C-alpha atoms as a PDB file:
ATOM      1  CA  MET A   1     -11.369   7.517  22.574  1.00  0.00           C
ATOM      2  CA  PRO A   2      -8.596   5.260  22.823  1.00  0.00           C
ATOM      3  CA  ASN A   3      -4.962   6.365  22.789  1.00  0.00           C
ATOM      4  CA  HIS A   4      -2.584   4.494  20.806  1.00  0.00           C
ATOM      5  CA  PHE A   5       1.261   5.209  20.566  1.00  0.00           C
ATOM      6  CA  GLY A   6       0.741   8.632  22.333  1.00  0.00           C
ATOM      7  CA  VAL A   7      -2.020   9.340  19.146  1.00  0.00           C
ATOM      8  CA  THR A   8      -6.212   9.191  19.429  1.00  0.00           C
ATOM      9  CA  VAL A   9      -7.683   6.689  17.544  1.00  0.00           C
ATOM     10  CA  LEU A  10     -11.076   6.781  16.044  1.00  0.00           C
ATOM     11  CA  GLU A  11     -13.127   3.429  15.415  1.00  0.00           C
ATOM     12  CA  GLY A  12     -14.696   4.606  12.348  1.00  0.00           C
ATOM     13  CA  LYS A  13     -16.735   2.238  10.346  1.00  0.00           C
ATOM     14  CA  ARG A  14     -14.143  -0.689  10.167  1.00  0.00           C
ATOM     15  CA  GLY A  15     -13.195  -0.743  14.163  1.00  0.00           C
ATOM     16  CA  LEU A  16     -10.167  -0.700  15.795  1.00  0.00           C
ATOM     17  CA  LYS A  17      -9.572  -4.009  15.112  1.00  0.00           C
ATOM     18  CA  LEU A  18      -9.563  -6.534  11.799  1.00  0.00           C
ATOM     19  CA  THR A  19     -12.618  -8.651  11.546  1.00  0.00           C
ATOM     20  CA  ARG A  20     -13.929 -10.981   8.776  1.00  0.00           C
ATOM     21  CA  GLU A  21     -17.927  -8.340   9.382  1.00  0.00           C
ATOM     22  CA  LYS A  22     -16.017  -5.309   8.666  1.00  0.00           C
ATOM     23  CA  TYR A  23     -13.293  -6.577   6.236  1.00  0.00           C
ATOM     24  CA  ALA A  24     -15.549  -6.838   2.965  1.00  0.00           C
ATOM     25  CA  ILE A  25     -17.181  -3.957   2.563  1.00  0.00           C
ATOM     26  CA  GLU A  26     -19.352  -4.145  -0.853  1.00  0.00           C
ATOM     27  CA  SER A  27     -19.184  -1.496  -3.177  1.00  0.00           C
ATOM     28  CA  ASN A  28     -19.722  -1.020  -6.893  1.00  0.00           C
ATOM     29  CA  LYS A  29     -17.314   1.592  -7.837  1.00  0.00           C
ATOM     30  CA  ASN A  30     -13.986   1.351  -9.945  1.00  0.00           C
ATOM     31  CA  SER A  31     -11.383   2.871  -8.200  1.00  0.00           C
ATOM     32  CA  PHE A  32      -9.014   2.223 -11.079  1.00  0.00           C
ATOM     33  CA  SER A  33      -7.877   4.715 -13.959  1.00  0.00           C
ATOM     34  CA  TYR A  34      -8.477   1.806 -16.584  1.00  0.00           C
ATOM     35  CA  ARG A  35     -10.856  -0.895 -17.443  1.00  0.00           C
ATOM     36  CA  PHE A  36     -10.738  -4.678 -17.543  1.00  0.00           C
ATOM     37  CA  SER A  37     -12.871  -7.326 -18.873  1.00  0.00           C
ATOM     38  CA  ALA A  38     -16.178  -5.237 -20.180  1.00  0.00           C
ATOM     39  CA  ASP A  39     -18.236  -7.923 -19.051  1.00  0.00           C
ATOM     40  CA  ILE A  40     -17.858  -7.178 -15.303  1.00  0.00           C
ATOM     41  CA  TYR A  41     -19.287  -4.018 -15.515  1.00  0.00           C
ATOM     42  CA  ALA A  42     -23.011  -2.762 -15.371  1.00  0.00           C
ATOM     43  CA  ASP A  43     -22.065   0.683 -17.582  1.00  0.00           C
ATOM     44  CA  LYS A  44     -20.136   1.412 -21.010  1.00  0.00           C
ATOM     45  CA  GLU A  45     -17.868   3.512 -19.373  1.00  0.00           C
ATOM     46  CA  GLY A  46     -16.546   0.793 -16.997  1.00  0.00           C
ATOM     47  CA  ARG A  47     -17.127   3.138 -13.700  1.00  0.00           C
ATOM     48  CA  LEU A  48     -19.402   0.616 -11.949  1.00  0.00           C
ATOM     49  CA  TYR A  49     -19.158  -2.939 -11.292  1.00  0.00           C
ATOM     50  CA  SER A  50     -22.220  -5.327 -11.913  1.00  0.00           C
ATOM     51  CA  ASP A  51     -24.273  -6.730  -8.899  1.00  0.00           C
ATOM     52  CA  GLU A  52     -22.877 -10.413  -9.703  1.00  0.00           C
ATOM     53  CA  TRP A  53     -19.346  -9.152  -9.903  1.00  0.00           C
ATOM     54  CA  CYS A  54     -19.664  -7.475  -6.324  1.00  0.00           C
ATOM     55  CA  THR A  55     -20.755 -10.719  -5.089  1.00  0.00           C
ATOM     56  CA  LYS A  56     -18.228 -12.771  -6.436  1.00  0.00           C
ATOM     57  CA  GLN A  57     -15.783 -10.367  -5.565  1.00  0.00           C
ATOM     58  CA  LEU A  58     -17.443 -10.679  -2.103  1.00  0.00           C
ATOM     59  CA  GLU A  59     -17.215 -14.356  -1.959  1.00  0.00           C
ATOM     60  CA  ASP A  60     -13.710 -14.543  -3.262  1.00  0.00           C
ATOM     61  CA  CYS A  61     -12.201 -11.970  -0.394  1.00  0.00           C
ATOM     62  CA  LEU A  62     -13.701 -13.643   2.516  1.00  0.00           C
ATOM     63  CA  LYS A  63     -12.115 -16.630   1.013  1.00  0.00           C
ATOM     64  CA  ASN A  64      -8.796 -15.039   0.877  1.00  0.00           C
ATOM     65  CA  TYR A  65      -9.409 -14.007   4.047  1.00  0.00           C
ATOM     66  CA  ASP A  66     -10.315 -16.918   5.623  1.00  0.00           C
ATOM     67  CA  LEU A  67      -7.602 -18.513   4.030  1.00  0.00           C
ATOM     68  CA  SER A  68      -5.219 -15.652   5.374  1.00  0.00           C
ATOM     69  CA  MET A  69      -6.076 -16.983   8.949  1.00  0.00           C
ATOM     70  CA  GLU A  70      -5.302 -20.052   8.715  1.00  0.00           C
ATOM     71  CA  TYR A  71      -1.934 -19.157   6.599  1.00  0.00           C
ATOM     72  CA  PHE A  72      -1.323 -16.740  10.311  1.00  0.00           C
ATOM     73  CA  SER A  73      -2.276 -19.217  12.613  1.00  0.00           C
ATOM     74  CA  LEU A  74       0.232 -21.649  11.488  1.00  0.00           C
ATOM     75  CA  LEU A  75       3.575 -19.403  11.711  1.00  0.00           C
ATOM     76  CA  SER A  76       5.392 -19.968  14.640  1.00  0.00           C
ATOM     77  CA  HIS A  77       5.603 -17.190  17.231  1.00  0.00           C
ATOM     78  CA  ASP A  78       9.203 -17.945  18.427  1.00  0.00           C
ATOM     79  CA  GLU A  79      10.874 -17.843  14.994  1.00  0.00           C
ATOM     80  CA  PHE A  80       8.774 -14.810  14.062  1.00  0.00           C
ATOM     81  CA  ASN A  81      10.593 -12.468  17.160  1.00  0.00           C
ATOM     82  CA  ILE A  82      13.788 -14.314  16.450  1.00  0.00           C
ATOM     83  CA  GLU A  83      13.237 -12.855  12.643  1.00  0.00           C
ATOM     84  CA  ILE A  84      12.423  -8.965  14.421  1.00  0.00           C
ATOM     85  CA  ASN A  85      15.420  -9.453  16.943  1.00  0.00           C
ATOM     86  CA  LYS A  86      17.628 -10.540  14.376  1.00  0.00           C
ATOM     87  CA  PHE A  87      16.545  -7.365  12.257  1.00  0.00           C
ATOM     88  CA  LEU A  88      17.211  -4.950  14.961  1.00  0.00           C
ATOM     89  CA  GLU A  89      20.238  -6.559  16.176  1.00  0.00           C
ATOM     90  CA  SER A  90      21.661  -6.154  12.239  1.00  0.00           C
ATOM     91  CA  ASN A  91      20.125  -2.955  11.776  1.00  0.00           C
ATOM     92  CA  LYS A  92      21.043  -0.565  14.840  1.00  0.00           C
ATOM     93  CA  CYS A  93      19.706   1.984  13.228  1.00  0.00           C
ATOM     94  CA  PHE A  94      15.690   1.250  14.361  1.00  0.00           C
ATOM     95  CA  VAL A  95      14.201   1.930  17.776  1.00  0.00           C
ATOM     96  CA  GLU A  96      11.325   0.877  19.042  1.00  0.00           C
ATOM     97  CA  VAL A  97       8.992   3.988  19.232  1.00  0.00           C
ATOM     98  CA  PHE A  98       6.488   4.521  21.789  1.00  0.00           C
ATOM     99  CA  ASP A  99       5.374   8.031  21.039  1.00  0.00           C
ATOM    100  CA  LEU A 100       4.346   8.955  17.921  1.00  0.00           C
ATOM    101  CA  ASN A 101       3.824  12.574  18.118  1.00  0.00           C
ATOM    102  CA  LEU A 102       7.952  12.381  18.564  1.00  0.00           C
ATOM    103  CA  TYR A 103       8.051  11.215  14.680  1.00  0.00           C
ATOM    104  CA  ASP A 104       5.601  14.244  13.251  1.00  0.00           C
ATOM    105  CA  GLN A 105       7.562  15.607   9.748  1.00  0.00           C
ATOM    106  CA  LYS A 106      10.419  13.195  10.578  1.00  0.00           C
ATOM    107  CA  SER A 107      10.827  10.971   7.285  1.00  0.00           C
ATOM    108  CA  GLY A 108      12.644   7.666   6.920  1.00  0.00           C
ATOM    109  CA  TYR A 109      11.634   3.610   7.297  1.00  0.00           C
ATOM    110  CA  TYR A 110       8.982   2.162   9.696  1.00  0.00           C
ATOM    111  CA  ILE A 111       7.997  -1.013  10.708  1.00  0.00           C
ATOM    112  CA  MET A 112       4.642  -1.864  12.283  1.00  0.00           C
ATOM    113  CA  VAL A 113       4.532  -5.441  13.694  1.00  0.00           C
ATOM    114  CA  LEU A 114       1.454  -7.519  14.336  1.00  0.00           C
ATOM    115  CA  ASP A 115       2.196  -9.964  16.509  1.00  0.00           C
ATOM    116  CA  GLU A 116      -1.088 -11.601  16.438  1.00  0.00           C
ATOM    117  CA  TYR A 117      -0.714 -12.363  13.010  1.00  0.00           C
ATOM    118  CA  TYR A 118       3.083 -12.874  13.060  1.00  0.00           C
ATOM    119  CA  GLN A 119       3.591 -10.667  10.118  1.00  0.00           C
ATOM    120  CA  VAL A 120       5.261  -7.182  10.019  1.00  0.00           C
ATOM    121  CA  TYR A 121       4.637  -4.139   7.431  1.00  0.00           C
ATOM    122  CA  ILE A 122       7.899  -2.257   6.136  1.00  0.00           C
ATOM    123  CA  GLY A 123       7.382   0.945   4.698  1.00  0.00           C
ATOM    124  CA  THR A 124       9.385   4.522   3.862  1.00  0.00           C
ATOM    125  CA  THR A 125       7.902   8.022   4.088  1.00  0.00           C
ATOM    126  CA  ASP A 126       9.043  12.077   4.683  1.00  0.00           C
ATOM    127  CA  ASN A 127       6.363  11.776   7.997  1.00  0.00           C
ATOM    128  CA  ILE A 128       6.428   8.825   9.795  1.00  0.00           C
ATOM    129  CA  LYS A 129       3.601   9.388  11.866  1.00  0.00           C
ATOM    130  CA  ARG A 130       1.229  10.930   9.527  1.00  0.00           C
ATOM    131  CA  ARG A 131       1.760   7.622   7.211  1.00  0.00           C
ATOM    132  CA  ILE A 132       1.446   5.179  10.266  1.00  0.00           C
ATOM    133  CA  ARG A 133      -1.643   7.199  10.954  1.00  0.00           C
ATOM    134  CA  GLN A 134      -2.936   6.605   7.136  1.00  0.00           C
ATOM    135  CA  HIS A 135      -2.316   3.091   7.898  1.00  0.00           C
ATOM    136  CA  TRP A 136      -4.964   2.552  10.477  1.00  0.00           C
ATOM    137  CA  SER A 137      -7.463   4.962   9.161  1.00  0.00           C
ATOM    138  CA  ASN A 138      -7.288   4.092   5.631  1.00  0.00           C
ATOM    139  CA  SER A 139      -8.568   0.867   3.669  1.00  0.00           C
ATOM    140  CA  LYS A 140      -7.955  -0.943   0.721  1.00  0.00           C
ATOM    141  CA  SER A 141     -11.046  -0.397  -1.889  1.00  0.00           C
ATOM    142  CA  PHE A 142     -13.721  -2.977  -2.762  1.00  0.00           C
ATOM    143  CA  ASP A 143     -11.958  -3.835  -6.075  1.00  0.00           C
ATOM    144  CA  ARG A 144      -8.266  -3.944  -4.797  1.00  0.00           C
ATOM    145  CA  LEU A 145      -8.465  -5.905  -2.044  1.00  0.00           C
ATOM    146  CA  LEU A 146      -7.378  -9.296  -3.850  1.00  0.00           C
ATOM    147  CA  CYS A 147      -3.684  -8.584  -5.550  1.00  0.00           C
ATOM    148  CA  PRO A 148      -4.202  -9.110  -8.298  1.00  0.00           C
ATOM    149  CA  MET A 149      -7.931  -9.220  -8.604  1.00  0.00           C
ATOM    150  CA  GLY A 150      -8.909 -12.682  -8.023  1.00  0.00           C
ATOM    151  CA  ALA A 151      -5.925 -14.203  -6.676  1.00  0.00           C
ATOM    152  CA  ILE A 152      -7.922 -15.958  -3.610  1.00  0.00           C
ATOM    153  CA  ASP A 153      -5.379 -17.927  -3.376  1.00  0.00           C
ATOM    154  CA  SER A 154      -2.024 -15.732  -3.516  1.00  0.00           C
ATOM    155  CA  SER A 155      -3.042 -12.410  -2.471  1.00  0.00           C
ATOM    156  CA  ILE A 156      -1.586 -10.889   0.637  1.00  0.00           C
ATOM    157  CA  LEU A 157      -3.722  -9.555   2.853  1.00  0.00           C
ATOM    158  CA  SER A 158      -3.327  -6.105   2.251  1.00  0.00           C
ATOM    159  CA  SER A 159      -1.445  -3.712   5.615  1.00  0.00           C
ATOM    160  CA  ASP A 160      -4.861  -1.397   5.313  1.00  0.00           C
ATOM    161  CA  SER A 161      -6.688  -4.012   5.989  1.00  0.00           C
ATOM    162  CA  PHE A 162      -5.529  -4.367   9.709  1.00  0.00           C
ATOM    163  CA  ARG A 163      -6.517  -1.678  12.332  1.00  0.00           C
ATOM    164  CA  ALA A 164      -4.678   0.575  14.967  1.00  0.00           C
ATOM    165  CA  LEU A 165      -4.897  -2.023  17.767  1.00  0.00           C
ATOM    166  CA  ASP A 166      -3.717  -4.596  15.546  1.00  0.00           C
ATOM    167  CA  THR A 167      -0.244  -2.629  15.417  1.00  0.00           C
ATOM    168  CA  THR A 168       1.262  -4.024  18.663  1.00  0.00           C
ATOM    169  CA  ARG A 169       4.945  -2.594  17.760  1.00  0.00           C
ATOM    170  CA  ILE A 170       6.764   0.248  15.696  1.00  0.00           C
ATOM    171  CA  PHE A 171      10.021   0.469  14.799  1.00  0.00           C
ATOM    172  CA  ALA A 172      11.753   3.355  12.998  1.00  0.00           C
ATOM    173  CA  TYR A 173      14.814   4.654  11.198  1.00  0.00           C
ATOM    174  CA  THR A 174      14.616   8.477  10.681  1.00  0.00           C
ATOM    175  CA  THR A 175      16.903   9.684   7.716  1.00  0.00           C
ATOM    176  CA  LYS A 176      16.711  12.402   4.815  1.00  0.00           C
ATOM    177  CA  ARG A 177      17.637   9.170   2.466  1.00  0.00           C
ATOM    178  CA  THR A 178      14.380   7.054   1.999  1.00  0.00           C
ATOM    179  CA  PHE A 179      13.025   4.999  -0.593  1.00  0.00           C
ATOM    180  CA  ASP A 180      16.542   3.589  -1.746  1.00  0.00           C
ATOM    181  CA  ARG A 181      16.981   1.054   1.429  1.00  0.00           C
ATOM    182  CA  GLU A 182      13.315  -0.040   1.646  1.00  0.00           C
ATOM    183  CA  ASP A 183      13.209  -3.377  -0.366  1.00  0.00           C
ATOM    184  CA  LYS A 184      16.792  -4.194   1.438  1.00  0.00           C
ATOM    185  CA  PHE A 185      14.887  -4.017   4.933  1.00  0.00           C
ATOM    186  CA  ILE A 186      11.885  -5.759   3.377  1.00  0.00           C
ATOM    187  CA  ASN A 187      14.294  -8.853   2.010  1.00  0.00           C
ATOM    188  CA  GLN A 188      15.671  -9.145   5.518  1.00  0.00           C
ATOM    189  CA  PHE A 189      12.670 -10.867   6.742  1.00  0.00           C
ATOM    190  CA  SER A 190      10.958 -14.419   6.105  1.00  0.00           C
ATOM    191  CA  ALA A 191       8.756 -13.758   3.111  1.00  0.00           C
ATOM    192  CA  LYS A 192       6.106 -15.689   5.124  1.00  0.00           C
ATOM    193  CA  PHE A 193       6.251 -12.721   7.880  1.00  0.00           C
ATOM    194  CA  VAL A 194       5.871  -9.802   5.575  1.00  0.00           C
ATOM    195  CA  CYS A 195       2.669  -8.102   4.250  1.00  0.00           C
ATOM    196  CA  ASN A 196       4.189  -6.014   1.967  1.00  0.00           C
ATOM    197  CA  ARG A 197       2.013  -6.384  -1.505  1.00  0.00           C
ATOM    198  CA  LEU A 198       4.607  -4.624  -3.560  1.00  0.00           C
ATOM    199  CA  ALA A 199       8.543  -4.750  -3.201  1.00  0.00           C
ATOM    200  CA  GLY A 200      10.003  -1.470  -1.906  1.00  0.00           C
ATOM    201  CA  GLY A 201      11.458   1.379  -4.087  1.00  0.00           C
ATOM    202  CA  LYS A 202       9.533   4.299  -5.755  1.00  0.00           C
ATOM    203  CA  ILE A 203       6.727   3.341  -8.689  1.00  0.00           C
ATOM    204  CA  THR A 204       7.841   5.548 -11.488  1.00  0.00           C
ATOM    205  CA  GLY A 205       6.604   3.197 -13.736  1.00  0.00           C
ATOM    206  CA  GLY A 206       2.919   2.974 -13.449  1.00  0.00           C
ATOM    207  CA  LEU A 207       0.832  -0.313 -13.852  1.00  0.00           C
ATOM    208  CA  LEU A 208       3.521  -2.205 -15.835  1.00  0.00           C
ATOM    209  CA  GLN A 209       6.071  -1.694 -12.942  1.00  0.00           C
ATOM    210  CA  SER A 210       3.893  -2.326 -10.063  1.00  0.00           C
ATOM    211  CA  ILE A 211       3.125  -5.663 -11.715  1.00  0.00           C
ATOM    212  CA  THR A 212       6.889  -6.408 -11.710  1.00  0.00           C
ATOM    213  CA  MET A 213       6.839  -5.385  -8.130  1.00  0.00           C
ATOM    214  CA  MET A 214       4.110  -7.473  -6.885  1.00  0.00           C
ATOM    215  CA  LYS A 215       4.664 -10.046  -4.340  1.00  0.00           C
ATOM    216  CA  ASN A 216       2.299 -13.004  -3.505  1.00  0.00           C
ATOM    217  CA  ARG A 217       2.347 -16.299  -1.148  1.00  0.00           C
ATOM    218  CA  ASN A 218       0.989 -19.892  -1.331  1.00  0.00           C
ATOM    219  CA  LEU A 219      -1.933 -19.626   0.771  1.00  0.00           C
ATOM    220  CA  LYS A 220      -2.795 -23.303   0.501  1.00  0.00           C
END
């Protein structure tokens, strides 16, 4: 089993690197606590999606995946690294992480760098080690791969779709004051280099607040 940033990572059913074949695993389960249009469900309760919806969702997700890969390929490696270095110069509180075990039970902010895709993800948590490992082992539900649903040309590929070995660098800032500076850190990067789907900060207003915090990008 590979050792990555000092911790053991498991391959699981999605592997250790993002691939098109394992990106969208079809499921007819509704992961939301609410229902959308009634005609997309196979039951009256809205717990299960219809076969037709699942087929269309898979097609849409793979289109978005392909558009995202093309988008990443057009980004500049040099510009990406310049932005990271500029951020670190302006925020000396962030240090590079080589051993995640040193960040167990440590709260603060973290940056996951995906050098192959020229993307960063900025997050905040009460346990940096645990949260990053969750990113590596978790995956978005099939009905949440597009954000919002149906947004083929604008949905940002979720950070949880990338796998453990896609994270090539990590930077962290340990502090007990979490969330209040997350959005500030996100906005110090050009949007094209950031795979956060939502603006930074706590979600306390439910679905309505989530919608107002949602980010997208023009993949065409």
